[in-house]
Amino acid sequence: MNLIKSRDPIVPIMLKGGRVTATFREALFDAARREGMSANEFVLQAAAEKLTASGRHFSGIFSPGDLDTERSA
């Protein structure tokens, strides 16, 4: 596979202030562990998949193929 380096800069994202129920947090951390990623990576991937599904276009999240939409293409 020929991968082209993105010219899109990598920038930090700082999210805070989110509050959820204990059961939601437990489910989130459990799902992230099952996928072998941090809760932050899991949430960012889910957001990226939702943005992609709504027609937004942007370069990768972590690595090429990270989004379900890329795997099925």
PDB file of N, CA and C in Angstrom:
ATOM      1  N   MET A   1       0.841  -1.171   0.000  1.00  0.00           N
ATOM      2  CA  MET A   1       0.000   0.000   0.000  1.00  0.00           C
ATOM      3  C   MET A   1       0.892   1.241   0.000  1.00  0.00           C
ATOM      4  N   ASN A   2       0.575   2.195  -0.844  1.00  0.00           N
ATOM      5  CA  ASN A   2       1.340   3.430  -0.940  1.00  0.00           C
ATOM      6  C   ASN A   2       0.675   4.495  -0.074  1.00  0.00           C
ATOM      7  N   LEU A   3       1.311   4.832   1.051  1.00  0.00           N
ATOM      8  CA  LEU A   3       0.746   5.831   1.953  1.00  0.00           C
ATOM      9  C   LEU A   3       1.394   7.185   1.689  1.00  0.00           C
ATOM     10  N   ILE A   4       0.578   8.207   1.550  1.00  0.00           N
ATOM     11  CA  ILE A   4       1.068   9.559   1.344  1.00  0.00           C
ATOM     12  C   ILE A   4       0.998  10.288   2.677  1.00  0.00           C
ATOM     13  N   LYS A   5       2.095  10.916   3.077  1.00  0.00           N
ATOM     14  CA  LYS A   5       2.117  11.675   4.328  1.00  0.00           C
ATOM     15  C   LYS A   5       1.174  12.859   4.221  1.00  0.00           C
ATOM     16  N   SER A   6       0.386  13.056   5.266  1.00  0.00           N
ATOM     17  CA  SER A   6      -0.549  14.167   5.307  1.00  0.00           C
ATOM     18  C   SER A   6       0.193  15.460   5.612  1.00  0.00           C
ATOM     19  N   ARG A   7      -0.253  16.539   5.019  1.00  0.00           N
ATOM     20  CA  ARG A   7       0.297  17.854   5.323  1.00  0.00           C
ATOM     21  C   ARG A   7      -0.511  18.518   6.428  1.00  0.00           C
ATOM     22  N   ASP A   8      -1.508  17.827   6.914  1.00  0.00           N
ATOM     23  CA  ASP A   8      -2.351  18.324   7.993  1.00  0.00           C
ATOM     24  C   ASP A   8      -1.560  18.272   9.299  1.00  0.00           C
ATOM     25  N   PRO A   9      -1.404  19.393  10.002  1.00  0.00           N
ATOM     26  CA  PRO A   9      -0.617  19.368  11.241  1.00  0.00           C
ATOM     27  C   PRO A   9      -1.315  18.578  12.347  1.00  0.00           C
ATOM     28  N   ILE A  10      -0.519  17.994  13.220  1.00  0.00           N
ATOM     29  CA  ILE A  10      -1.030  17.296  14.398  1.00  0.00           C
ATOM     30  C   ILE A  10      -1.116  18.319  15.520  1.00  0.00           C
ATOM     31  N   VAL A  11      -2.296  18.438  16.129  1.00  0.00           N
ATOM     32  CA  VAL A  11      -2.517  19.433  17.178  1.00  0.00           C
ATOM     33  C   VAL A  11      -3.181  18.765  18.383  1.00  0.00           C
ATOM     34  N   PRO A  12      -2.967  19.292  19.584  1.00  0.00           N
ATOM     35  CA  PRO A  12      -3.607  18.718  20.766  1.00  0.00           C
ATOM     36  C   PRO A  12      -5.094  19.081  20.812  1.00  0.00           C
ATOM     37  N   ILE A  13      -5.855  18.242  21.460  1.00  0.00           N
ATOM     38  CA  ILE A  13      -7.260  18.540  21.711  1.00  0.00           C
ATOM     39  C   ILE A  13      -7.488  18.351  23.210  1.00  0.00           C
ATOM     40  N   MET A  14      -7.998  19.362  23.823  1.00  0.00           N
ATOM     41  CA  MET A  14      -8.216  19.303  25.265  1.00  0.00           C
ATOM     42  C   MET A  14      -9.709  19.414  25.534  1.00  0.00           C
ATOM     43  N   LEU A  15     -10.282  18.322  25.928  1.00  0.00           N
ATOM     44  CA  LEU A  15     -11.704  18.287  26.248  1.00  0.00           C
ATOM     45  C   LEU A  15     -11.853  18.133  27.751  1.00  0.00           C
ATOM     46  N   LYS A  16     -12.739  18.893  28.340  1.00  0.00           N
ATOM     47  CA  LYS A  16     -12.960  18.741  29.767  1.00  0.00           C
ATOM     48  C   LYS A  16     -14.371  19.178  30.105  1.00  0.00           C
ATOM     49  N   GLY A  17     -14.768  18.893  31.297  1.00  0.00           N
ATOM     50  CA  GLY A  17     -16.081  19.308  31.745  1.00  0.00           C
ATOM     51  C   GLY A  17     -17.174  18.288  31.492  1.00  0.00           C
ATOM     52  N   GLY A  18     -16.829  17.199  30.820  1.00  0.00           N
ATOM     53  CA  GLY A  18     -17.825  16.174  30.566  1.00  0.00           C
ATOM     54  C   GLY A  18     -18.122  15.379  31.825  1.00  0.00           C
ATOM     55  N   ARG A  19     -19.396  15.169  32.078  1.00  0.00           N
ATOM     56  CA  ARG A  19     -19.801  14.359  33.221  1.00  0.00           C
ATOM     57  C   ARG A  19     -20.784  13.305  32.732  1.00  0.00           C
ATOM     58  N   VAL A  20     -20.584  12.089  33.172  1.00  0.00           N
ATOM     59  CA  VAL A  20     -21.445  10.973  32.774  1.00  0.00           C
ATOM     60  C   VAL A  20     -21.774  10.150  34.002  1.00  0.00           C
ATOM     61  N   THR A  21     -22.708   9.246  33.855  1.00  0.00           N
ATOM     62  CA  THR A  21     -23.023   8.343  34.957  1.00  0.00           C
ATOM     63  C   THR A  21     -21.901   7.327  35.128  1.00  0.00           C
ATOM     64  N   ALA A  22     -21.838   6.755  36.288  1.00  0.00           N
ATOM     65  CA  ALA A  22     -20.800   5.757  36.574  1.00  0.00           C
ATOM     66  C   ALA A  22     -20.927   4.553  35.646  1.00  0.00           C
ATOM     67  N   THR A  23     -22.153   4.143  35.337  1.00  0.00           N
ATOM     68  CA  THR A  23     -22.327   2.975  34.466  1.00  0.00           C
ATOM     69  C   THR A  23     -21.888   3.278  33.035  1.00  0.00           C
ATOM     70  N   PHE A  24     -22.126   4.512  32.566  1.00  0.00           N
ATOM     71  CA  PHE A  24     -21.652   4.885  31.227  1.00  0.00           C
ATOM     72  C   PHE A  24     -20.128   4.867  31.192  1.00  0.00           C
ATOM     73  N   ARG A  25     -19.497   5.454  32.201  1.00  0.00           N
ATOM     74  CA  ARG A  25     -18.036   5.481  32.260  1.00  0.00           C
ATOM     75  C   ARG A  25     -17.476   4.067  32.284  1.00  0.00           C
ATOM     76  N   GLU A  26     -18.088   3.199  33.071  1.00  0.00           N
ATOM     77  CA  GLU A  26     -17.633   1.810  33.141  1.00  0.00           C
ATOM     78  C   GLU A  26     -17.751   1.127  31.780  1.00  0.00           C
ATOM     79  N   ALA A  27     -18.869   1.356  31.098  1.00  0.00           N
ATOM     80  CA  ALA A  27     -19.070   0.753  29.778  1.00  0.00           C
ATOM     81  C   ALA A  27     -18.049   1.297  28.771  1.00  0.00           C
ATOM     82  N   LEU A  28     -17.769   2.609  28.838  1.00  0.00           N
ATOM     83  CA  LEU A  28     -16.796   3.233  27.944  1.00  0.00           C
ATOM     84  C   LEU A  28     -15.407   2.644  28.142  1.00  0.00           C
ATOM     85  N   PHE A  29     -14.951   2.580  29.388  1.00  0.00           N
ATOM     86  CA  PHE A  29     -13.616   2.056  29.659  1.00  0.00           C
ATOM     87  C   PHE A  29     -13.526   0.573  29.306  1.00  0.00           C
ATOM     88  N   ASP A  30     -14.592  -0.176  29.538  1.00  0.00           N
ATOM     89  CA  ASP A  30     -14.606  -1.598  29.188  1.00  0.00           C
ATOM     90  C   ASP A  30     -14.503  -1.780  27.671  1.00  0.00           C
ATOM     91  N   ALA A  31     -15.290  -1.016  26.922  1.00  0.00           N
ATOM     92  CA  ALA A  31     -15.255  -1.116  25.459  1.00  0.00           C
ATOM     93  C   ALA A  31     -13.885  -0.716  24.919  1.00  0.00           C
ATOM     94  N   ALA A  32     -13.300   0.344  25.482  1.00  0.00           N
ATOM     95  CA  ALA A  32     -11.974   0.777  25.040  1.00  0.00           C
ATOM     96  C   ALA A  32     -10.933  -0.301  25.312  1.00  0.00           C
ATOM     97  N   ARG A  33     -10.991  -0.907  26.484  1.00  0.00           N
ATOM     98  CA  ARG A  33     -10.050  -1.994  26.820  1.00  0.00           C
ATOM     99  C   ARG A  33     -10.182  -3.159  25.842  1.00  0.00           C
ATOM    100  N   ARG A  34     -11.426  -3.522  25.505  1.00  0.00           N
ATOM    101  CA  ARG A  34     -11.642  -4.625  24.565  1.00  0.00           C
ATOM    102  C   ARG A  34     -11.051  -4.313  23.195  1.00  0.00           C
ATOM    103  N   GLU A  35     -11.022  -3.044  22.819  1.00  0.00           N
ATOM    104  CA  GLU A  35     -10.444  -2.631  21.528  1.00  0.00           C
ATOM    105  C   GLU A  35      -8.945  -2.399  21.620  1.00  0.00           C
ATOM    106  N   GLY A  36      -8.380  -2.470  22.836  1.00  0.00           N
ATOM    107  CA  GLY A  36      -6.944  -2.272  23.012  1.00  0.00           C
ATOM    108  C   GLY A  36      -6.505  -0.827  22.883  1.00  0.00           C
ATOM    109  N   MET A  37      -7.371   0.098  23.292  1.00  0.00           N
ATOM    110  CA  MET A  37      -7.023   1.514  23.193  1.00  0.00           C
ATOM    111  C   MET A  37      -7.439   2.253  24.455  1.00  0.00           C
ATOM    112  N   SER A  38      -6.977   3.476  24.578  1.00  0.00           N
ATOM    113  CA  SER A  38      -7.373   4.294  25.723  1.00  0.00           C
ATOM    114  C   SER A  38      -8.809   4.781  25.519  1.00  0.00           C
ATOM    115  N   ALA A  39      -9.422   5.217  26.603  1.00  0.00           N
ATOM    116  CA  ALA A  39     -10.771   5.783  26.501  1.00  0.00           C
ATOM    117  C   ALA A  39     -10.756   7.018  25.600  1.00  0.00           C
ATOM    118  N   ASN A  40      -9.699   7.821  25.670  1.00  0.00           N
ATOM    119  CA  ASN A  40      -9.592   9.005  24.809  1.00  0.00           C
ATOM    120  C   ASN A  40      -9.565   8.608  23.332  1.00  0.00           C
ATOM    121  N   GLU A  41      -8.755   7.611  22.989  1.00  0.00           N
ATOM    122  CA  GLU A  41      -8.694   7.155  21.600  1.00  0.00           C
ATOM    123  C   GLU A  41     -10.051   6.622  21.155  1.00  0.00           C
ATOM    124  N   PHE A  42     -10.715   5.873  22.027  1.00  0.00           N
ATOM    125  CA  PHE A  42     -12.018   5.297  21.704  1.00  0.00           C
ATOM    126  C   PHE A  42     -13.040   6.389  21.392  1.00  0.00           C
ATOM    127  N   VAL A  43     -13.078   7.416  22.247  1.00  0.00           N
ATOM    128  CA  VAL A  43     -14.021   8.518  22.068  1.00  0.00           C
ATOM    129  C   VAL A  43     -13.705   9.306  20.796  1.00  0.00           C
ATOM    130  N   LEU A  44     -12.424   9.588  20.553  1.00  0.00           N
ATOM    131  CA  LEU A  44     -12.056  10.320  19.342  1.00  0.00           C
ATOM    132  C   LEU A  44     -12.378   9.520  18.087  1.00  0.00           C
ATOM    133  N   GLN A  45     -12.163   8.211  18.129  1.00  0.00           N
ATOM    134  CA  GLN A  45     -12.493   7.381  16.971  1.00  0.00           C
ATOM    135  C   GLN A  45     -13.994   7.382  16.728  1.00  0.00           C
ATOM    136  N   ALA A  46     -14.785   7.271  17.790  1.00  0.00           N
ATOM    137  CA  ALA A  46     -16.242   7.296  17.645  1.00  0.00           C
ATOM    138  C   ALA A  46     -16.700   8.635  17.062  1.00  0.00           C
ATOM    139  N   ALA A  47     -16.121   9.722  17.528  1.00  0.00           N
ATOM    140  CA  ALA A  47     -16.468  11.044  16.998  1.00  0.00           C
ATOM    141  C   ALA A  47     -16.087  11.147  15.526  1.00  0.00           C
ATOM    142  N   ALA A  48     -14.909  10.635  15.171  1.00  0.00           N
ATOM    143  CA  ALA A  48     -14.463  10.668  13.773  1.00  0.00           C
ATOM    144  C   ALA A  48     -15.399   9.858  12.883  1.00  0.00           C
ATOM    145  N   GLU A  49     -15.843   8.703  13.350  1.00  0.00           N
ATOM    146  CA  GLU A  49     -16.769   7.882  12.566  1.00  0.00           C
ATOM    147  C   GLU A  49     -18.091   8.611  12.364  1.00  0.00           C
ATOM    148  N   LYS A  50     -18.576   9.293  13.397  1.00  0.00           N
ATOM    149  CA  LYS A  50     -19.831  10.038  13.285  1.00  0.00           C
ATOM    150  C   LYS A  50     -19.667  11.214  12.315  1.00  0.00           C
ATOM    151  N   LEU A  51     -18.554  11.939  12.413  1.00  0.00           N
ATOM    152  CA  LEU A  51     -18.304  13.051  11.498  1.00  0.00           C
ATOM    153  C   LEU A  51     -18.208  12.574  10.057  1.00  0.00           C
ATOM    154  N   THR A  52     -17.515  11.462   9.844  1.00  0.00           N
ATOM    155  CA  THR A  52     -17.380  10.901   8.501  1.00  0.00           C
ATOM    156  C   THR A  52     -18.746  10.490   7.952  1.00  0.00           C
ATOM    157  N   ALA A  53     -19.559   9.864   8.795  1.00  0.00           N
ATOM    158  CA  ALA A  53     -20.897   9.437   8.370  1.00  0.00           C
ATOM    159  C   ALA A  53     -21.777  10.628   7.993  1.00  0.00           C
ATOM    160  N   SER A  54     -21.512  11.790   8.599  1.00  0.00           N
ATOM    161  CA  SER A  54     -22.319  12.981   8.290  1.00  0.00           C
ATOM    162  C   SER A  54     -21.745  13.765   7.105  1.00  0.00           C
ATOM    163  N   GLY A  55     -20.696  13.224   6.465  1.00  0.00           N
ATOM    164  CA  GLY A  55     -20.168  13.828   5.255  1.00  0.00           C
ATOM    165  C   GLY A  55     -18.958  14.722   5.443  1.00  0.00           C
ATOM    166  N   ARG A  56     -18.440  14.821   6.656  1.00  0.00           N
ATOM    167  CA  ARG A  56     -17.245  15.643   6.885  1.00  0.00           C
ATOM    168  C   ARG A  56     -16.013  14.915   6.376  1.00  0.00           C
ATOM    169  N   HIS A  57     -15.053  15.660   5.863  1.00  0.00           N
ATOM    170  CA  HIS A  57     -13.821  15.086   5.332  1.00  0.00           C
ATOM    171  C   HIS A  57     -12.632  15.666   6.083  1.00  0.00           C
ATOM    172  N   PHE A  58     -11.718  14.808   6.488  1.00  0.00           N
ATOM    173  CA  PHE A  58     -10.518  15.209   7.214  1.00  0.00           C
ATOM    174  C   PHE A  58      -9.506  14.089   7.093  1.00  0.00           C
ATOM    175  N   SER A  59      -8.261  14.403   7.395  1.00  0.00           N
ATOM    176  CA  SER A  59      -7.235  13.366   7.331  1.00  0.00           C
ATOM    177  C   SER A  59      -7.352  12.459   8.555  1.00  0.00           C
ATOM    178  N   GLY A  60      -6.511  11.468   8.629  1.00  0.00           N
ATOM    179  CA  GLY A  60      -6.606  10.404   9.625  1.00  0.00           C
ATOM    180  C   GLY A  60      -6.679  10.819  11.083  1.00  0.00           C
ATOM    181  N   ILE A  61      -6.983   9.864  11.909  1.00  0.00           N
ATOM    182  CA  ILE A  61      -7.063  10.061  13.345  1.00  0.00           C
ATOM    183  C   ILE A  61      -5.736   9.655  13.967  1.00  0.00           C
ATOM    184  N   PHE A  62      -5.416   8.366  13.930  1.00  0.00           N
ATOM    185  CA  PHE A  62      -4.174   7.861  14.498  1.00  0.00           C
ATOM    186  C   PHE A  62      -3.303   7.274  13.396  1.00  0.00           C
ATOM    187  N   SER A  63      -3.901   6.394  12.626  1.00  0.00           N
ATOM    188  CA  SER A  63      -3.210   5.734  11.521  1.00  0.00           C
ATOM    189  C   SER A  63      -4.214   5.451  10.414  1.00  0.00           C
ATOM    190  N   PRO A  64      -3.747   5.300   9.174  1.00  0.00           N
ATOM    191  CA  PRO A  64      -4.674   4.929   8.095  1.00  0.00           C
ATOM    192  C   PRO A  64      -5.403   3.642   8.436  1.00  0.00           C
ATOM    193  N   GLY A  65      -6.699   3.598   8.181  1.00  0.00           N
ATOM    194  CA  GLY A  65      -7.494   2.414   8.442  1.00  0.00           C
ATOM    195  C   GLY A  65      -8.131   2.394   9.814  1.00  0.00           C
ATOM    196  N   ASP A  66      -7.965   3.441  10.601  1.00  0.00           N
ATOM    197  CA  ASP A  66      -8.520   3.461  11.947  1.00  0.00           C
ATOM    198  C   ASP A  66     -10.040   3.553  11.983  1.00  0.00           C
ATOM    199  N   LEU A  67     -10.631   4.173  10.986  1.00  0.00           N
ATOM    200  CA  LEU A  67     -12.079   4.340  10.995  1.00  0.00           C
ATOM    201  C   LEU A  67     -12.758   3.145  10.348  1.00  0.00           C
ATOM    202  N   ASP A  68     -13.893   2.736  10.908  1.00  0.00           N
ATOM    203  CA  ASP A  68     -14.653   1.627  10.331  1.00  0.00           C
ATOM    204  C   ASP A  68     -15.010   1.914   8.883  1.00  0.00           C
ATOM    205  N   THR A  69     -15.282   3.175   8.557  1.00  0.00           N
ATOM    206  CA  THR A  69     -15.642   3.516   7.182  1.00  0.00           C
ATOM    207  C   THR A  69     -14.490   3.244   6.227  1.00  0.00           C
ATOM    208  N   GLU A  70     -13.249   3.350   6.695  1.00  0.00           N
ATOM    209  CA  GLU A  70     -12.092   3.056   5.842  1.00  0.00           C
ATOM    210  C   GLU A  70     -11.914   1.555   5.674  1.00  0.00           C
ATOM    211  N   ARG A  71     -12.233   0.781   6.702  1.00  0.00           N
ATOM    212  CA  ARG A  71     -12.076  -0.675   6.615  1.00  0.00           C
ATOM    213  C   ARG A  71     -13.039  -1.287   5.628  1.00  0.00           C
ATOM    214  N   SER A  72     -14.235  -0.718   5.542  1.00  0.00           N
ATOM    215  CA  SER A  72     -15.245  -1.295   4.672  1.00  0.00           C
ATOM    216  C   SER A  72     -15.163  -0.779   3.250  1.00  0.00           C
ATOM    217  N   ALA A  73     -14.324   0.227   3.015  1.00  0.00           N
ATOM    218  CA  ALA A  73     -14.222   0.819   1.668  1.00  0.00           C
ATOM    219  C   ALA A  73     -13.370  -0.023   0.760  1.00  0.00           C
TER     220      ALA A  73
END
